[in-house]
Protein backbone atom coordinates (compact mmCIF):
# COMPACT_ATOMS: atom_id res chain seq x y z
CA MET A 1 -8.62 240.14 32.04
CA THR A 2 -9.66 242.34 29.02
CA GLU A 3 -13.16 243.02 28.31
CA ALA A 4 -11.99 242.10 24.75
CA THR A 5 -10.23 238.57 25.83
CA LYS A 6 -12.87 237.53 28.63
CA ARG A 7 -14.75 234.44 27.59
CA VAL A 8 -18.75 233.30 26.58
CA ALA A 9 -20.86 230.65 27.59
CA ALA A 10 -24.17 228.92 26.80
CA PHE A 11 -25.97 228.07 29.83
CA PHE A 12 -29.04 225.36 29.55
CA ASP A 13 -31.45 224.66 31.00
CA LEU A 14 -32.16 220.50 31.00
CA ASP A 15 -35.63 219.37 31.87
CA LYS A 16 -37.53 219.85 27.98
CA THR A 17 -35.17 221.77 26.10
CA VAL A 18 -31.61 219.11 26.94
CA ILE A 19 -33.29 215.51 27.17
CA ALA A 20 -37.42 215.52 26.72
CA LYS A 21 -38.53 214.51 30.04
CA SER A 22 -37.77 215.39 33.52
CA SER A 23 -34.37 213.96 34.36
CA THR A 24 -35.87 213.85 38.07
CA LEU A 25 -39.08 211.47 37.43
CA ALA A 26 -37.71 209.59 34.50
CA PHE A 27 -35.18 207.74 37.69
CA SER A 28 -38.19 206.08 40.03
CA ARG A 29 -38.51 203.28 38.48
CA PRO A 30 -34.64 201.80 38.92
CA PHE A 31 -35.35 202.90 42.33
CA PHE A 32 -38.43 201.06 42.80
CA GLN A 33 -36.87 198.32 42.23
CA GLY A 34 -33.71 199.26 44.77
CA GLY A 35 -36.27 199.64 47.18
CA LEU A 36 -36.09 203.15 47.88
CA ILE A 37 -40.09 203.85 47.37
CA ASN A 38 -42.84 202.45 46.35
CA ARG A 39 -45.63 201.35 44.07
CA ARG A 40 -47.62 204.52 45.58
CA ALA A 41 -44.30 206.99 44.46
CA VAL A 42 -43.90 205.82 41.19
CA LEU A 43 -47.21 205.94 40.01
CA LYS A 44 -47.08 209.53 41.42
CA SER A 45 -44.42 209.72 39.25
CA ALA A 46 -45.89 207.92 36.53
CA TYR A 47 -49.00 210.75 36.52
CA ALA A 48 -46.57 213.87 37.59
CA GLN A 49 -44.59 213.54 34.72
CA PHE A 50 -47.76 213.34 32.07
CA VAL A 51 -49.00 216.77 34.10
CA PHE A 52 -44.82 217.69 33.34
CA MET A 53 -44.76 216.69 29.79
CA GLN A 54 -48.58 218.63 29.47
CA SER A 55 -47.67 221.80 31.16
CA GLY A 56 -44.85 222.16 33.31
CA ALA A 57 -44.97 222.86 36.72
CA ASP A 58 -45.60 226.65 38.00
CA ALA A 59 -44.04 227.89 41.55
CA ASP A 60 -46.95 227.35 43.21
CA GLN A 61 -45.96 223.04 42.21
CA VAL A 62 -42.66 223.64 42.94
CA ASP A 63 -42.77 225.00 46.09
CA ARG A 64 -44.62 222.08 47.06
CA MET A 65 -42.51 219.71 45.28
CA ARG A 66 -39.47 221.66 47.82
CA ALA A 67 -41.71 220.60 50.69
CA HIS A 68 -42.62 216.68 49.61
CA LEU A 69 -38.59 216.04 48.72
CA THR A 70 -37.46 217.30 52.81
CA ALA A 71 -39.95 214.77 54.42
CA LEU A 72 -39.56 211.74 51.65
CA CYS A 73 -35.69 211.41 50.79
CA GLU A 74 -34.84 211.97 54.43
CA GLY A 75 -33.08 209.25 56.02
CA TRP A 76 -31.36 207.80 52.06
CA ASP A 77 -28.13 206.08 52.31
CA ILE A 78 -26.36 207.69 49.86
CA GLU A 79 -24.08 205.43 48.36
CA GLN A 80 -26.97 202.67 47.94
CA VAL A 81 -28.81 206.02 45.12
CA ARG A 82 -25.37 205.73 44.00
CA SER A 83 -25.35 202.11 43.32
CA ILE A 84 -28.84 202.14 41.91
CA VAL A 85 -28.18 205.49 39.67
CA GLU A 86 -24.22 203.72 38.08
CA GLU A 87 -26.47 201.37 36.91
CA THR A 88 -29.23 202.93 35.23
CA LEU A 89 -28.36 205.90 34.28
CA HIS A 90 -27.07 205.41 30.98
CA ASP A 91 -30.41 203.44 29.58
CA ILE A 92 -32.35 205.90 31.19
CA VAL A 93 -31.32 209.49 30.15
CA ASP A 94 -28.99 208.04 26.71
CA PRO A 95 -32.20 207.86 24.66
CA LEU A 96 -33.92 211.36 25.80
CA ILE A 97 -31.64 213.72 24.44
CA TYR A 98 -32.86 216.05 22.01
CA ALA A 99 -30.85 216.19 18.62
CA GLU A 100 -30.94 219.89 17.81
CA ALA A 101 -30.13 220.34 21.37
CA ALA A 102 -26.80 218.27 21.29
CA GLU A 103 -26.47 219.98 17.28
CA LEU A 104 -26.10 223.24 19.18
CA ILE A 105 -23.82 222.44 22.41
CA THR A 106 -21.38 221.23 19.85
CA ASP A 107 -22.19 224.55 17.98
CA HIS A 108 -20.89 226.51 20.33
CA LYS A 109 -18.65 224.81 21.33
CA ASN A 110 -17.19 224.49 18.47
CA GLN A 111 -17.29 228.53 18.72
CA GLY A 112 -14.79 228.85 21.77
CA HIS A 113 -17.93 228.87 24.29
CA ASP A 114 -17.95 226.76 27.10
CA VAL A 115 -21.03 224.39 28.00
CA VAL A 116 -23.37 224.83 30.97
CA VAL A 117 -25.93 222.96 32.30
CA VAL A 118 -28.49 225.11 34.43
CA SER A 119 -30.74 222.90 36.47
CA ALA A 120 -33.37 222.97 39.38
CA SER A 121 -32.52 218.31 39.42
CA GLY A 122 -29.57 217.75 42.38
CA GLU A 123 -26.00 217.93 41.06
CA GLU A 124 -25.50 214.96 40.70
CA ILE A 125 -27.61 213.54 37.88
CA VAL A 126 -27.50 217.51 36.34
CA ARG A 127 -23.28 215.99 36.25
CA PRO A 128 -23.41 213.29 34.81
CA ILE A 129 -25.94 214.14 32.04
CA ALA A 130 -23.69 217.73 31.09
CA ARG A 131 -20.48 214.43 30.84
CA MET A 132 -22.98 212.89 28.69
CA ILE A 133 -23.66 216.15 26.28
CA GLY A 134 -20.06 217.11 26.26
CA ALA A 135 -20.63 220.03 28.58
CA THR A 136 -17.89 222.67 30.03
CA ASP A 137 -19.58 222.31 33.48
CA SER A 138 -23.24 222.36 34.95
CA VAL A 139 -25.18 223.89 38.51
CA GLY A 140 -27.28 221.50 40.58
CA THR A 141 -29.78 222.20 43.42
CA GLN A 142 -27.32 220.96 46.66
CA MET A 143 -28.75 218.84 49.89
CA VAL A 144 -27.33 218.28 53.11
CA ALA A 145 -25.59 214.89 54.05
CA GLN A 146 -24.73 213.72 57.22
CA ASP A 147 -22.71 210.36 57.85
CA GLY A 148 -23.86 208.77 54.65
CA ARG A 149 -27.64 209.47 54.91
CA TYR A 150 -29.37 212.54 53.64
CA THR A 151 -30.69 215.13 55.85
CA GLY A 152 -33.59 216.19 54.06
CA GLU A 153 -32.16 219.71 54.07
CA ILE A 154 -31.68 222.18 50.71
CA GLU A 155 -28.38 224.09 50.58
CA PHE A 156 -28.66 225.62 47.41
CA TYR A 157 -31.86 225.44 45.87
CA CYS A 158 -30.89 226.14 41.72
CA TYR A 159 -34.84 227.39 40.59
CA GLY A 160 -35.94 230.70 39.81
CA GLU A 161 -33.60 233.62 40.58
CA ASN A 162 -31.15 231.64 42.11
CA LYS A 163 -30.15 230.28 38.51
CA ALA A 164 -28.90 233.77 37.57
CA VAL A 165 -27.31 233.62 40.93
CA ALA A 166 -25.50 230.59 39.58
CA MET A 167 -24.64 232.39 36.57
CA LYS A 168 -23.25 235.13 37.48
CA GLN A 169 -21.28 233.79 40.00
CA LEU A 170 -19.66 231.79 37.17
CA ALA A 171 -19.00 234.46 35.77
CA ALA A 172 -17.52 236.02 38.27
CA GLU A 173 -15.12 233.52 38.57
CA ARG A 174 -14.06 232.67 35.08
CA ASP A 175 -14.45 235.44 33.31
CA TYR A 176 -17.04 235.41 31.42
CA ASP A 177 -18.97 237.97 29.75
CA LEU A 178 -22.50 237.91 30.02
CA THR A 179 -23.43 240.42 27.32
CA ALA A 180 -21.75 237.93 24.90
CA CYS A 181 -23.41 234.44 26.53
CA TYR A 182 -26.72 232.56 25.25
CA ALA A 183 -28.89 230.91 27.64
CA TYR A 184 -31.91 228.36 26.50
CA SER A 185 -35.07 227.73 28.65
CA ASP A 186 -37.99 226.29 28.16
CA SER A 187 -39.91 227.44 31.22
CA ILE A 188 -41.60 231.47 32.31
CA THR A 189 -39.83 230.24 35.74
CA ASP A 190 -35.77 230.69 33.93
CA VAL A 191 -37.10 234.45 33.49
CA PRO A 192 -34.22 235.29 35.52
CA MET A 193 -31.61 232.54 33.54
CA LEU A 194 -32.90 234.14 30.48
CA GLU A 195 -32.48 237.76 31.23
CA VAL A 196 -28.67 237.52 32.74
CA VAL A 197 -27.65 237.17 29.80
CA GLY A 198 -26.75 239.51 26.29
CA HIS A 199 -28.52 236.15 23.69
CA PRO A 200 -31.27 234.66 25.43
CA ALA A 201 -33.54 231.26 23.31
CA THR A 202 -36.61 229.52 24.02
CA VAL A 203 -36.65 225.83 23.41
CA ASN A 204 -40.28 224.79 23.70
CA PRO A 205 -41.04 227.83 25.56
CA ASP A 206 -44.57 227.04 27.74
CA ARG A 207 -47.36 229.28 26.97
CA ALA A 208 -46.43 232.12 29.44
CA LEU A 209 -43.55 232.36 28.37
CA LYS A 210 -43.65 232.26 24.16
CA LYS A 211 -45.86 235.09 25.16
CA LEU A 212 -43.35 236.75 26.95
CA ALA A 213 -40.48 236.06 24.19
CA THR A 214 -43.19 237.38 21.38
CA GLU A 215 -43.20 240.40 23.33
CA ARG A 216 -39.69 240.72 24.18
CA GLY A 217 -38.17 239.69 20.29
CA TRP A 218 -36.41 236.73 21.99
CA PRO A 219 -35.74 233.57 19.16
CA MET A 220 -38.43 230.86 19.67
CA LEU A 221 -36.60 227.08 19.17
CA THR A 222 -38.59 223.55 18.59
CA PHE A 223 -36.47 220.31 19.54
CA SER A 224 -38.83 217.54 18.35
CA LYS A 225 -36.27 214.96 18.22
CA PRO A 226 -35.05 212.71 21.00
CA VAL A 227 -32.21 210.52 19.53
CA SER A 228 -29.62 208.06 21.54
CA LEU A 229 -25.99 209.38 21.70
CA ARG A 230 -23.93 206.74 22.81
CA SER A 231 -22.94 206.13 18.64
CA ARG A 232 -22.15 210.52 18.30
CA ILE A 233 -20.23 210.68 21.86
CA GLN A 234 -18.38 208.93 24.05
CA MET A 235 -19.00 208.40 27.63
CA PRO A 236 -17.02 209.60 29.81
CA SER A 237 -15.27 206.15 32.87
CA GLY A 238 -16.36 208.84 35.28
CA THR A 239 -19.98 209.18 34.06
CA ALA A 240 -22.20 207.14 36.46
CA VAL A 241 -21.89 209.95 39.24
CA ALA A 242 -24.69 208.83 41.66
CA ILE A 243 -28.24 211.07 41.32
CA THR A 244 -29.01 211.50 44.58
CA ALA A 245 -31.74 210.01 46.28
CA ALA A 246 -33.51 213.62 46.36
CA SER A 247 -34.49 213.01 42.90
CA LEU A 248 -36.65 210.49 43.31
CA GLY A 249 -38.00 213.06 46.27
CA VAL A 250 -39.49 215.28 43.33
CA ALA A 251 -40.23 212.35 41.05
CA ALA A 252 -43.04 211.04 43.39
CA ALA A 253 -44.76 214.86 43.94
CA ALA A 254 -47.08 215.90 41.53
CA GLY A 255 -45.69 218.10 38.32
CA ALA A 256 -41.83 217.70 39.50
CA THR A 257 -39.60 219.35 37.66
CA TRP A 258 -36.38 219.86 40.73
CA TYR A 259 -34.72 217.32 43.58
CA GLY A 260 -32.10 218.34 45.89
CA ILE A 261 -28.88 216.74 46.65
CA ARG A 262 -25.55 216.86 48.39
CA ARG A 263 -22.14 216.77 46.68
CA ARG A 264 -19.76 215.42 48.35
CA ARG A 265 -17.79 219.02 49.30
CA ARG A 266 -16.83 217.79 52.29
CA LYS A 267 -13.13 216.66 52.43
C-alpha cells in the first residue's frame, strides 16, 4: 500500500477524555451489590474517585494500584462479573460521556478516519464503551484467566509507553500513517501516546501535561458537558460484554486510573 493510500486513525484515551469519570471506579457499587467487594472497598473507591477527579494518578500511584489489583481480583469468577456488568454497564457509563468527545469522534469518522480507544482500563470495559461511542476498535489492559477465574496476573499493561507500543502495532497491522494520525489525552502519563502521532492534542490536561502542551504548542481542548447518548447512538446488541473483575481491583485502589482484565483469547 502506498503512502498516499495509508489510513488515518484518531486515538482517544478514555477516562477524563471521553468520559467524565474513571471508567473503573464507576462500577464499585454494582460489584458491592453482587458480593465481589466489601463496603470498605466501596468507600475506598469513592475516595479514589475524588482524588482522581482532582488531580489524576501519577506513575507511583498507578504502580501501587497495579500491586493492589493482583491481590484483589485473584480468584474472581469471570461469569459472575460478566453478568453484573451486563445489567449495569449502560446505566452507569452512558450518562458520563462528554458531548464534545462524541462530536469529535463523529467528526473524525465523517473524515473517513478510524477511531481507536486506548486505555489503561481493562479490555472488556474499554471495548463496550468504545462500541457505545461508535469507535472502530479499542485497546486495553489484559489479565490472565484460567479455568474461568482471574489469576491476578497481568499479561499486557496498557499504560504509559505501552500505549505507544500498542498504537504502533495497530499501525503496522492496519497501514495507519502515524504522522497523519491524531491522539487525545488528559494525562502526563500519556505523553508517549501523544508523541507517536503527527497530530497530538490534550483534553482537560492535568497540570504537568498543560505545561508540556504549552511548551510544544499542542492544542488544549476543554470537554465539560457529560450527556446521555441513548438518544444519539444506537447500541449494538452485543454491547454488554463483561467488564472483568479487574475493574474493581482498581476501583478499590486510591487514585485508580486503570485495571486489568483478560480477554477470552483461548479458543
